[in-house]
N, C-alpha and C. Protein backbone atom coordinates (compact mmCIF):
# COMPACT_ATOMS: atom_id res chain seq x y z
N MET A 1 116.14 103.07 143.89
CA MET A 1 116.43 103.61 142.56
C MET A 1 115.02 104.21 141.67
N SER A 2 114.96 105.29 141.26
CA SER A 2 113.57 105.50 140.22
C SER A 2 114.00 105.46 138.88
N THR A 3 113.03 104.93 138.05
CA THR A 3 113.01 104.96 136.86
C THR A 3 111.91 105.53 136.13
N ASP A 4 112.10 106.34 135.16
CA ASP A 4 111.21 106.87 134.03
C ASP A 4 111.38 106.18 132.73
N THR A 5 110.16 105.69 132.10
CA THR A 5 110.22 104.87 131.20
C THR A 5 109.43 105.50 129.69
N ASN A 6 110.54 105.70 128.41
CA ASN A 6 110.32 106.08 127.75
C ASN A 6 109.40 104.85 126.64
N ASP A 7 108.36 105.33 126.45
CA ASP A 7 107.35 103.65 125.66
C ASP A 7 107.86 103.75 124.37
N ALA A 8 108.73 104.43 123.66
CA ALA A 8 108.86 104.62 122.02
C ALA A 8 109.84 102.97 122.12
N GLY A 9 109.07 102.25 121.62
CA GLY A 9 110.00 101.00 120.72
C GLY A 9 109.47 100.28 122.07
N GLU A 10 108.68 100.06 122.85
CA GLU A 10 108.33 99.28 123.85
C GLU A 10 107.81 97.99 123.34
N GLY A 11 108.04 96.55 123.92
CA GLY A 11 107.96 95.47 123.21
C GLY A 11 108.65 94.85 122.56
N ASN A 12 109.93 95.91 121.86
CA ASN A 12 110.70 95.61 120.89
C ASN A 12 112.11 95.51 121.67
N GLY A 13 112.14 96.41 122.54
CA GLY A 13 113.35 96.22 123.64
C GLY A 13 114.19 97.44 123.02
N ASN A 14 113.76 98.54 122.25
CA ASN A 14 114.29 99.73 121.88
C ASN A 14 114.04 100.78 122.69
N GLY A 15 113.21 100.86 123.87
CA GLY A 15 112.85 101.70 124.46
C GLY A 15 114.02 102.10 125.30
N THR A 16 113.89 103.35 126.02
CA THR A 16 115.08 103.41 126.93
C THR A 16 114.48 103.79 128.29
N SER A 17 114.96 103.93 129.35
CA SER A 17 114.33 104.05 130.74
C SER A 17 115.55 104.94 131.01
N LYS A 18 115.03 105.82 131.96
CA LYS A 18 116.00 107.13 132.69
C LYS A 18 116.03 106.73 134.46
N ILE A 19 116.98 106.32 134.81
CA ILE A 19 117.16 106.40 136.26
C ILE A 19 118.06 106.86 136.65
N ASP A 20 117.85 106.81 138.02
CA ASP A 20 118.53 108.20 138.68
C ASP A 20 119.71 107.16 139.61
N VAL A 21 120.68 107.85 139.62
CA VAL A 21 122.01 107.15 139.89
C VAL A 21 122.83 108.13 140.80
N ARG A 22 123.34 107.75 142.07
CA ARG A 22 124.01 108.65 142.88
C ARG A 22 125.33 108.43 142.76
N VAL A 23 126.34 109.32 142.35
CA VAL A 23 127.96 108.75 142.60
C VAL A 23 128.74 109.90 143.27
N PRO A 24 129.50 109.58 143.97
CA PRO A 24 130.40 110.44 144.29
C PRO A 24 130.81 111.86 143.68
N ASN A 25 130.84 112.84 144.48
CA ASN A 25 131.19 114.06 143.27
C ASN A 25 132.49 113.99 142.68
N ARG A 26 133.21 113.77 143.06
CA ARG A 26 134.68 113.70 142.59
C ARG A 26 134.73 112.62 141.20
N LEU A 27 133.84 111.34 141.30
CA LEU A 27 133.63 110.64 140.08
C LEU A 27 132.70 111.53 139.19
N LEU A 28 131.94 112.38 139.23
CA LEU A 28 131.36 112.56 138.08
C LEU A 28 132.08 114.14 137.52
N GLU A 29 133.18 114.56 138.64
CA GLU A 29 133.84 115.32 137.96
C GLU A 29 134.69 114.74 137.02
N GLU A 30 135.49 113.44 137.33
CA GLU A 30 136.34 112.67 136.75
C GLU A 30 135.48 112.11 135.05
N ILE A 31 134.30 112.08 135.40
CA ILE A 31 133.55 111.67 134.10
C ILE A 31 133.38 113.10 133.23
N ASP A 32 133.22 114.12 133.94
CA ASP A 32 133.03 115.14 133.11
C ASP A 32 134.27 115.54 132.50
N GLU A 33 135.42 115.41 132.93
CA GLU A 33 136.83 116.05 132.42
C GLU A 33 137.07 114.80 131.11
N GLU A 34 136.66 113.67 131.25
CA GLU A 34 137.05 112.50 130.74
C GLU A 34 136.27 112.50 129.03
N TYR A 35 134.96 112.41 129.21
CA TYR A 35 133.91 111.76 128.31
C TYR A 35 134.17 112.61 126.96
N GLU A 36 134.07 113.71 126.88
CA GLU A 36 134.22 114.56 125.91
C GLU A 36 135.99 114.29 125.12
N ARG A 37 137.01 114.18 126.08
CA ARG A 37 138.26 113.76 125.47
C ARG A 37 138.24 112.62 125.15
N ARG A 38 137.34 111.56 125.43
CA ARG A 38 137.25 110.39 124.58
C ARG A 38 136.06 110.57 123.35
N GLY A 39 135.65 111.37 123.07
CA GLY A 39 135.07 111.53 121.69
C GLY A 39 133.49 111.32 121.99
N TYR A 40 133.02 111.10 123.49
CA TYR A 40 131.17 111.03 123.46
C TYR A 40 130.98 112.58 123.32
N THR A 41 129.88 112.47 122.85
CA THR A 41 129.05 114.02 122.96
C THR A 41 128.21 114.06 124.06
N SER A 42 128.14 113.29 125.32
CA SER A 42 127.57 113.59 126.36
C SER A 42 127.93 112.95 127.66
N ARG A 43 127.73 113.14 128.77
CA ARG A 43 128.05 112.44 130.03
C ARG A 43 127.25 110.90 129.65
N SER A 44 125.96 110.97 129.69
CA SER A 44 124.49 109.87 129.50
C SER A 44 125.42 109.00 128.49
N GLU A 45 126.14 109.16 127.13
CA GLU A 45 126.54 108.24 126.11
C GLU A 45 127.44 107.51 126.48
N ALA A 46 128.57 108.40 127.39
CA ALA A 46 129.94 107.62 128.05
C ALA A 46 129.45 106.52 129.05
N ILE A 47 128.75 106.90 129.76
CA ILE A 47 128.04 106.09 130.77
C ILE A 47 127.05 104.60 130.27
N ARG A 48 126.61 105.04 129.43
CA ARG A 48 125.78 103.62 128.53
C ARG A 48 126.87 102.64 128.13
N ASP A 49 127.76 103.50 127.25
CA ASP A 49 129.07 102.79 126.92
C ASP A 49 129.52 101.83 127.95
N ALA A 50 129.82 102.66 129.02
CA ALA A 50 130.53 101.84 130.35
C ALA A 50 129.82 101.09 130.64
N LEU A 51 128.32 101.26 130.76
CA LEU A 51 127.27 100.31 131.01
C LEU A 51 127.37 98.54 130.33
N ARG A 52 127.50 98.98 129.35
CA ARG A 52 127.33 97.81 127.70
C ARG A 52 128.77 97.14 128.15
N ASP A 53 130.02 97.93 128.55
CA ASP A 53 131.48 97.02 128.73
C ASP A 53 131.06 96.31 130.09
N TRP A 54 130.60 96.70 131.06
CA TRP A 54 130.23 95.93 131.99
C TRP A 54 129.49 94.67 131.97
N ILE A 55 128.13 94.70 131.15
CA ILE A 55 127.69 93.67 130.50
C ILE A 55 127.97 92.58 129.82
N ASP A 56 129.11 93.20 128.75
CA ASP A 56 129.59 92.60 127.59
C ASP A 56 130.81 93.01 127.81
N PRO A 57 131.78 92.61 128.86
CA PRO A 57 133.11 93.02 128.44
C PRO A 57 134.16 92.95 127.20
N PRO A 58 134.70 93.77 126.96
CA PRO A 58 135.88 93.56 125.39
C PRO A 58 136.66 92.56 125.80
N THR A 59 136.92 91.71 124.87
CA THR A 59 138.14 90.61 125.13
C THR A 59 139.39 91.26 125.75
N ARG A 60 139.79 90.61 126.46
CA ARG A 60 141.36 90.71 127.15
C ARG A 60 142.19 90.00 126.14
N LEU A 61 143.68 90.55 126.04
CA LEU A 61 144.55 89.70 125.70
C LEU A 61 145.43 89.12 126.91
N SER A 62 145.54 88.01 127.07
CA SER A 62 146.41 87.48 127.98
C SER A 62 147.56 88.15 128.31
N ASP A 63 148.37 87.87 129.31
CA ASP A 63 149.92 88.14 129.48
C ASP A 63 150.55 88.01 128.39
N GLU A 64 150.30 86.62 128.49
CA GLU A 64 151.26 85.38 127.17
C GLU A 64 151.31 86.02 125.72
N THR A 65 149.88 86.39 125.45
CA THR A 65 149.72 86.88 124.36
C THR A 65 150.20 88.32 124.07
N LEU A 66 150.04 89.30 125.03
CA LEU A 66 150.73 90.68 125.08
C LEU A 66 152.62 90.25 124.57
N GLU A 67 152.87 89.28 125.63
CA GLU A 67 154.22 89.29 125.59
C GLU A 67 155.09 88.67 123.94
N GLU A 68 153.88 87.72 123.50
CA GLU A 68 154.29 87.34 122.16
C GLU A 68 153.98 88.65 120.96
N LEU A 69 153.09 89.12 121.21
CA LEU A 69 152.81 90.47 120.11
C LEU A 69 154.19 91.53 120.50
N GLU A 70 154.65 91.83 121.80
CA GLU A 70 155.64 92.59 121.74
C GLU A 70 156.89 91.81 121.13
N LYS A 71 157.52 90.54 121.46
CA LYS A 71 158.34 89.99 120.89
C LYS A 71 158.20 89.88 119.23
N SER A 72 157.10 89.73 118.53
CA SER A 72 156.78 89.93 117.13
C SER A 72 157.43 91.16 116.68
N ARG A 73 156.39 92.24 117.43
CA ARG A 73 156.91 93.58 116.75
C ARG A 73 158.24 93.79 116.98
N GLU A 74 159.17 93.21 117.91
CA GLU A 74 160.63 93.68 117.98
C GLU A 74 161.38 93.17 116.72
N GLN A 75 160.55 91.62 116.68
CA GLN A 75 161.89 91.03 115.48
C GLN A 75 161.10 91.77 114.30
N ARG A 76 160.03 92.69 114.00
CA ARG A 76 160.11 93.21 112.74
C ARG A 76 160.72 94.29 112.56
N GLU A 77 161.15 94.85 114.02
CA GLU A 77 161.53 96.24 113.66
C GLU A 77 163.23 95.73 113.64
N GLN A 78 163.92 94.85 114.06
CA GLN A 78 165.02 94.33 113.67
C GLN A 78 165.36 93.58 112.36
N GLY A 79 164.01 93.59 111.64
CA GLY A 79 164.28 92.85 110.36
C GLY A 79 164.41 91.49 109.99
N GLU A 80 163.85 90.59 111.32
CA GLU A 80 164.09 89.33 111.34
C GLU A 80 162.80 88.68 110.96
N THR A 81 161.61 89.51 110.28
CA THR A 81 160.33 88.62 109.62
C THR A 81 160.47 89.04 108.33
N GLN A 82 159.82 88.20 107.82
CA GLN A 82 159.44 88.61 106.50
C GLN A 82 157.98 88.73 105.84
N SER A 83 157.32 89.40 105.17
CA SER A 83 156.21 89.63 104.76
C SER A 83 155.82 88.23 103.92
N ALA A 84 154.27 88.24 104.20
CA ALA A 84 153.63 86.81 103.49
C ALA A 84 153.76 87.12 102.17
N ASP A 85 153.91 88.45 101.85
CA ASP A 85 153.56 88.34 99.71
C ASP A 85 155.32 87.90 99.67
N ASP A 86 156.28 88.27 100.19
CA ASP A 86 157.81 87.43 100.05
C ASP A 86 157.94 86.17 100.25
N VAL A 87 157.06 85.74 101.17
CA VAL A 87 157.17 83.90 101.67
C VAL A 87 156.71 83.57 100.20
N ARG A 88 155.12 84.00 99.87
CA ARG A 88 154.33 83.59 98.90
C ARG A 88 155.25 83.22 97.16
N GLU A 89 155.88 84.30 97.26
CA GLU A 89 156.90 84.53 96.06
C GLU A 89 158.00 83.63 96.02
N ARG A 90 158.50 83.13 97.21
CA ARG A 90 159.87 82.52 97.44
C ARG A 90 159.20 81.29 97.15
N LEU A 91 157.94 80.67 97.83
CA LEU A 91 157.80 79.48 97.68
C LEU A 91 156.93 79.28 96.60
N GLY A 92 156.74 80.12 95.37
CA GLY A 92 155.97 80.10 94.01
C GLY A 92 154.35 79.75 94.21
N LEU A 93 153.97 80.58 95.40
CA LEU A 93 152.44 80.46 95.56
C LEU A 93 151.75 81.51 95.25
N ASN A 94 152.10 82.40 94.28
CA ASN A 94 151.65 83.82 93.94
C ASN A 94 150.82 83.13 92.59
N ASP A 95 151.00 82.23 92.05
CA ASP A 95 150.05 81.64 90.93
C ASP A 95 148.64 81.50 91.36
């Protein structure tokens, strides 16, 4: 891997480095098809974001939590729930 360093911000962690990475042609085609659709302005921006997610993955909800959310959604759609405002009013907590 070769790197080129941009010295701007050197010493404070704000500089950038250019790296050369080889990827299969088909993967690069998929990246090119996808990055703009997802709102990125460049291939580099999309890849940087993907690398950030690799280093610090977003929180994933467990299957149990997803099931509970779906159950809650269904209860709301069937009118089996009450809003927090309605409950506060019923319990006299609006004061």
